[in-house]
Amino acid sequence: MTTPRTFVLAGHRGNMAAAPENTLLSFASAESVGVDEIELDVQLTRDDALVVIHDRTVERTAATSTPHLRTPIEDLTLEQIRSIDLGQSQRIPTLDEVLDSTTALLRVEIKALAAARPLAALLSQRPEHDQARCIVTSFSSLSLADFVAANPGLQRGVGLHVPNTDSNWRDEVNRIGASTVLMPFRELTRDLVDEIHQDGLRVEASLIEGPADVRTILELDVDASASNAPGYARDLLTASDEFTTRFPSFVQPATIM
């Protein structure tokens, strides 16, 4: 890895501290506080629309009662999805709408295997600039393998989420040709991060929740992190002289890599 490196701060589902998660308002708020990247989740509706939502149902996120409260996303049409109120006049957006309304880097997490190939097809039809700012991630190596098979040339590549290191994650990373490994702080040591860097991969660790996490980022030497309150996280990072010395370009928003 070359030094100095770029550090990427992601808004987890946008700016959850200020707006309903995974909504256009949340993403706009995240950009307004200076995120480098927006993390979001995609699933596929019954009529094959790629929509941005984390959970399989809206039971947790709907602001008002709806007959679709516990219906899986894959069993709903886009029209039915549109009827769901998320609060603050927000509805569940499509991925196309998010791409049209944002300029930041995007981390698109596949939440359902059925969404992998439609996502590959959608991105291949978008302008080159949109393709270049996306990295596609998943906890499922099968989803990523399906995506890569249909769209092998994504500039920022794909990233595998590794919730714990007691799995054959290294084999999965190699099999799908991942560019990034995403792990919780608790799973990482400096030695492991150094090993991953030596393999030519980036390491993202989450989530930034307080000042101690800035120290952990520096001790581990990771390349990226996310926060539910990205404005607060950016303030913590920029207030650290050690961090800004290590990542001098962080004072400016990240550009397409």
Protein backbone atom coordinates (compact mmCIF):
# COMPACT_ATOMS: atom_id res chain seq x y z
CA MET A 1 0.00 0.00 0.00
CA THR A 2 1.31 3.46 -0.85
CA THR A 3 1.44 6.31 1.64
CA PRO A 4 -0.21 8.69 2.15
CA ARG A 5 -3.44 6.84 1.42
CA THR A 6 -7.00 8.03 0.98
CA PHE A 7 -9.43 7.37 3.82
CA VAL A 8 -13.12 6.97 2.92
CA LEU A 9 -15.88 7.91 5.36
CA ALA A 10 -19.25 6.38 4.49
CA GLY A 11 -22.66 7.45 5.68
CA HIS A 12 -24.33 4.23 6.83
CA ARG A 13 -27.69 4.16 5.02
CA GLY A 14 -27.11 7.86 4.45
CA ASN A 15 -27.33 10.06 7.53
CA MET A 16 -29.47 8.04 9.93
CA ALA A 17 -28.96 10.65 12.65
CA ALA A 18 -30.92 13.22 10.65
CA ALA A 19 -33.38 11.39 8.38
CA PRO A 20 -35.11 8.05 7.79
CA GLU A 21 -32.51 5.52 6.68
CA ASN A 22 -32.01 4.60 3.02
CA THR A 23 -34.06 7.53 1.72
CA LEU A 24 -33.27 10.36 -0.67
CA LEU A 25 -33.44 12.78 2.26
CA SER A 26 -30.95 10.69 4.24
CA PHE A 27 -28.57 10.54 1.29
CA ALA A 28 -28.83 14.28 0.65
CA SER A 29 -28.15 14.95 4.32
CA ALA A 30 -25.10 12.65 4.21
CA GLU A 31 -23.68 14.55 1.26
CA SER A 32 -24.34 17.87 2.99
CA VAL A 33 -22.18 16.87 5.99
CA GLY A 34 -19.31 15.82 3.75
CA VAL A 35 -19.33 12.04 3.42
CA ASP A 36 -17.02 10.51 0.85
CA GLU A 37 -19.32 7.56 0.25
CA ILE A 38 -22.95 6.60 0.85
CA GLU A 39 -23.70 3.04 1.97
CA LEU A 40 -27.07 1.65 0.90
CA ASP A 41 -28.89 -1.65 0.48
CA VAL A 42 -30.75 -3.06 -2.52
CA GLN A 43 -33.48 -5.64 -2.89
CA LEU A 44 -35.73 -6.73 -5.77
CA THR A 45 -39.50 -6.26 -5.89
CA ARG A 46 -42.01 -8.72 -7.33
CA ASP A 47 -42.02 -6.77 -10.59
CA ASP A 48 -38.20 -6.66 -10.77
CA ALA A 49 -37.52 -3.13 -9.55
CA LEU A 50 -34.31 -2.55 -7.60
CA VAL A 51 -35.32 -0.68 -4.46
CA VAL A 52 -33.20 0.68 -1.63
CA ILE A 53 -34.10 -0.90 1.70
CA HIS A 54 -32.18 -2.84 4.33
CA ASP A 55 -34.74 -5.19 5.89
CA ARG A 56 -36.77 -7.86 4.13
CA THR A 57 -39.95 -6.12 5.35
CA VAL A 58 -40.87 -2.56 6.37
CA GLU A 59 -42.01 -3.58 9.86
CA ARG A 60 -39.09 -1.74 11.50
CA THR A 61 -38.90 1.31 9.22
CA ALA A 62 -42.48 2.21 8.21
CA ALA A 63 -43.67 5.36 10.00
CA THR A 64 -47.38 4.57 9.72
CA SER A 65 -49.56 1.49 9.63
CA THR A 66 -49.65 -0.28 6.28
CA PRO A 67 -51.16 -3.56 5.03
CA HIS A 68 -47.65 -4.35 3.73
CA LEU A 69 -45.99 -4.11 7.14
CA ARG A 70 -44.82 -7.74 7.27
CA THR A 71 -44.91 -8.63 3.58
CA PRO A 72 -41.47 -9.50 2.16
CA ILE A 73 -40.14 -6.98 -0.33
CA GLU A 74 -39.90 -9.66 -3.02
CA ASP A 75 -43.67 -10.16 -2.76
CA LEU A 76 -44.52 -6.48 -3.24
CA THR A 77 -44.74 -4.48 -6.44
CA LEU A 78 -43.02 -1.14 -6.86
CA GLU A 79 -46.41 0.57 -6.69
CA GLN A 80 -47.11 -1.09 -3.34
CA ILE A 81 -43.64 -0.16 -2.11
CA ARG A 82 -44.31 3.47 -3.09
CA SER A 83 -47.36 3.57 -0.82
CA ILE A 84 -45.29 3.02 2.34
CA ASP A 85 -44.59 6.10 4.46
CA LEU A 86 -41.13 6.17 6.05
CA GLY A 87 -41.61 9.51 7.78
CA GLN A 88 -40.55 13.06 6.85
CA SER A 89 -42.42 12.66 3.54
CA GLN A 90 -40.02 9.93 2.45
CA ARG A 91 -40.72 6.82 0.39
CA ILE A 92 -38.53 3.85 -0.50
CA PRO A 93 -36.44 4.98 -3.50
CA THR A 94 -35.30 2.98 -6.48
CA LEU A 95 -31.58 2.62 -7.08
CA ASP A 96 -31.94 4.60 -10.31
CA GLU A 97 -33.37 7.51 -8.30
CA VAL A 98 -30.45 7.37 -5.89
CA LEU A 99 -27.94 7.35 -8.73
CA ASP A 100 -29.72 10.30 -10.32
CA SER A 101 -29.83 12.38 -7.13
CA THR A 102 -26.37 11.82 -5.61
CA THR A 103 -22.77 12.61 -6.55
CA ALA A 104 -20.79 10.83 -3.81
CA LEU A 105 -19.16 7.45 -4.08
CA LEU A 106 -21.70 4.67 -3.46
CA ARG A 107 -21.38 1.37 -1.61
CA VAL A 108 -24.25 -0.80 -2.82
CA GLU A 109 -24.92 -3.83 -0.64
CA ILE A 110 -26.82 -6.75 -2.15
CA LYS A 111 -29.33 -7.95 0.46
CA ALA A 112 -30.98 -10.70 -1.64
CA LEU A 113 -29.38 -13.11 -4.11
CA ALA A 114 -32.13 -12.39 -6.66
CA ALA A 115 -30.94 -8.77 -6.86
CA ALA A 116 -27.37 -9.57 -7.95
CA ARG A 117 -27.82 -9.97 -11.70
CA PRO A 118 -30.46 -7.22 -12.05
CA LEU A 119 -28.02 -4.91 -10.25
CA ALA A 120 -25.27 -5.87 -12.68
CA ALA A 121 -27.60 -5.15 -15.59
CA LEU A 122 -28.73 -1.80 -14.18
CA LEU A 123 -25.20 -0.57 -13.55
CA SER A 124 -24.08 -1.63 -17.01
CA GLN A 125 -26.77 0.66 -18.45
CA ARG A 126 -25.79 3.67 -16.35
CA PRO A 127 -23.30 6.34 -17.48
CA GLU A 128 -19.64 5.44 -16.98
CA HIS A 129 -19.32 7.98 -14.19
CA ASP A 130 -22.03 6.23 -12.17
CA GLN A 131 -20.43 2.83 -12.72
CA ALA A 132 -17.06 4.23 -11.66
CA ARG A 133 -18.31 5.54 -8.32
CA CYS A 134 -19.93 2.29 -7.18
CA ILE A 135 -18.52 -0.59 -5.21
CA VAL A 136 -20.85 -3.58 -4.75
CA THR A 137 -20.74 -5.50 -1.47
CA SER A 138 -22.52 -8.36 0.24
CA PHE A 139 -22.31 -10.79 3.12
CA SER A 140 -23.06 -13.47 0.51
CA SER A 141 -20.18 -14.59 -1.67
CA LEU A 142 -22.77 -16.27 -3.91
CA SER A 143 -24.43 -12.90 -4.55
CA LEU A 144 -21.09 -11.33 -5.37
CA ALA A 145 -20.11 -14.21 -7.64
CA ASP A 146 -23.41 -13.79 -9.53
CA PHE A 147 -22.81 -10.05 -9.82
CA VAL A 148 -19.22 -10.44 -11.05
CA ALA A 149 -20.28 -13.08 -13.59
CA ALA A 150 -22.69 -10.57 -15.10
CA ASN A 151 -20.58 -7.41 -14.64
CA PRO A 152 -16.88 -8.25 -14.19
CA GLY A 153 -15.47 -4.81 -14.97
CA LEU A 154 -16.67 -2.56 -12.15
CA GLN A 155 -13.85 -0.08 -11.53
CA ARG A 156 -14.06 -0.11 -7.71
CA GLY A 157 -14.72 -3.84 -7.68
CA VAL A 158 -16.64 -5.78 -5.07
CA GLY A 159 -16.32 -6.12 -1.31
CA LEU A 160 -17.07 -9.07 0.96
CA HIS A 161 -18.53 -8.47 4.42
CA VAL A 162 -16.87 -10.78 6.95
CA PRO A 163 -18.79 -10.71 10.26
CA ASN A 164 -16.31 -13.07 11.89
CA THR A 165 -13.00 -14.61 10.94
CA ASP A 166 -13.95 -18.20 11.83
CA SER A 167 -15.00 -18.89 8.24
CA ASN A 168 -13.23 -19.62 4.97
CA TRP A 169 -13.46 -15.95 4.05
CA ARG A 170 -10.02 -15.86 2.44
CA ASP A 171 -11.07 -18.52 -0.07
CA GLU A 172 -14.27 -16.61 -0.80
CA VAL A 173 -12.37 -13.33 -1.29
CA ASN A 174 -10.00 -15.02 -3.73
CA ARG A 175 -12.79 -16.81 -5.58
CA ILE A 176 -14.79 -13.67 -6.30
CA GLY A 177 -11.75 -11.44 -6.79
CA ALA A 178 -12.80 -8.94 -4.13
CA SER A 179 -11.08 -5.59 -3.89
CA THR A 180 -12.21 -4.83 -0.33
CA VAL A 181 -12.82 -6.74 2.90
CA LEU A 182 -15.33 -5.26 5.34
CA MET A 183 -15.11 -6.34 8.99
CA PRO A 184 -16.20 -5.14 12.43
CA PHE A 185 -13.45 -3.52 14.48
CA ARG A 186 -13.56 -6.40 16.96
CA GLU A 187 -12.50 -8.92 14.30
CA LEU A 188 -9.38 -7.04 13.25
CA THR A 189 -5.83 -6.88 14.49
CA ARG A 190 -3.02 -4.83 13.02
CA ASP A 191 -1.29 -8.00 11.86
CA LEU A 192 -4.43 -9.12 10.01
CA VAL A 193 -4.88 -5.71 8.39
CA ASP A 194 -1.24 -5.75 7.29
CA GLU A 195 -1.73 -9.21 5.77
CA ILE A 196 -4.83 -8.08 3.88
CA HIS A 197 -3.00 -4.99 2.62
CA GLN A 198 -0.11 -7.17 1.46
CA ASP A 199 -2.63 -9.09 -0.65
CA GLY A 200 -3.51 -5.81 -2.36
CA LEU A 201 -6.91 -5.40 -0.72
CA ARG A 202 -8.54 -2.50 1.09
CA VAL A 203 -9.94 -2.91 4.60
CA GLU A 204 -13.07 -1.22 5.90
CA ALA A 205 -14.01 -1.45 9.59
CA SER A 206 -17.17 -0.16 11.25
CA LEU A 207 -18.83 1.62 12.88
CA ILE A 208 -17.49 4.99 14.08
CA GLU A 209 -19.50 5.77 17.20
CA GLY A 210 -17.14 7.79 19.38
CA PRO A 211 -13.61 9.17 19.88
CA ALA A 212 -12.16 5.76 20.76
CA ASP A 213 -12.98 4.53 17.27
CA VAL A 214 -10.66 7.16 15.75
CA ARG A 215 -7.81 5.77 17.84
CA THR A 216 -8.75 2.24 16.73
CA ILE A 217 -8.73 3.29 13.05
CA LEU A 218 -5.19 4.61 13.48
CA GLU A 219 -3.99 1.59 15.43
CA LEU A 220 -5.39 -0.83 12.86
CA ASP A 221 -4.47 1.34 9.83
CA VAL A 222 -7.74 0.61 7.98
CA ASP A 223 -8.78 2.39 4.79
CA ALA A 224 -12.42 3.22 5.43
CA SER A 225 -15.21 3.23 7.96
CA ALA A 226 -18.89 4.11 8.18
CA SER A 227 -21.07 5.92 10.68
CA ASN A 228 -24.77 6.33 11.46
CA ALA A 229 -23.93 9.97 12.28
CA PRO A 230 -21.39 10.84 9.58
CA GLY A 231 -21.23 14.56 10.40
CA TYR A 232 -20.19 13.73 13.96
CA ALA A 233 -17.74 11.11 12.67
CA ARG A 234 -16.13 13.58 10.25
CA ASP A 235 -15.70 16.09 13.06
CA LEU A 236 -14.01 13.44 15.21
CA LEU A 237 -11.65 12.46 12.42
CA THR A 238 -10.67 15.97 11.37
CA ALA A 239 -10.09 16.95 15.02
CA SER A 240 -7.35 14.32 15.28
CA ASP A 241 -3.95 15.67 14.22
CA GLU A 242 -2.62 12.13 14.00
CA PHE A 243 -5.45 11.14 11.66
CA THR A 244 -5.11 14.14 9.34
CA THR A 245 -1.35 13.64 9.21
CA ARG A 246 -1.87 9.99 8.29
CA PHE A 247 -4.63 10.79 5.77
CA PRO A 248 -3.94 14.37 4.59
CA SER A 249 -6.38 14.19 1.68
CA PHE A 250 -9.30 13.54 4.03
CA VAL A 251 -10.03 17.26 4.34
CA GLN A 252 -11.39 17.06 0.80
CA PRO A 253 -14.21 14.72 -0.33
CA ALA A 254 -12.96 11.49 -1.89
CA THR A 255 -12.84 11.25 -5.67
CA ILE A 256 -13.40 8.20 -7.82
CA MET A 257 -10.46 5.88 -7.33
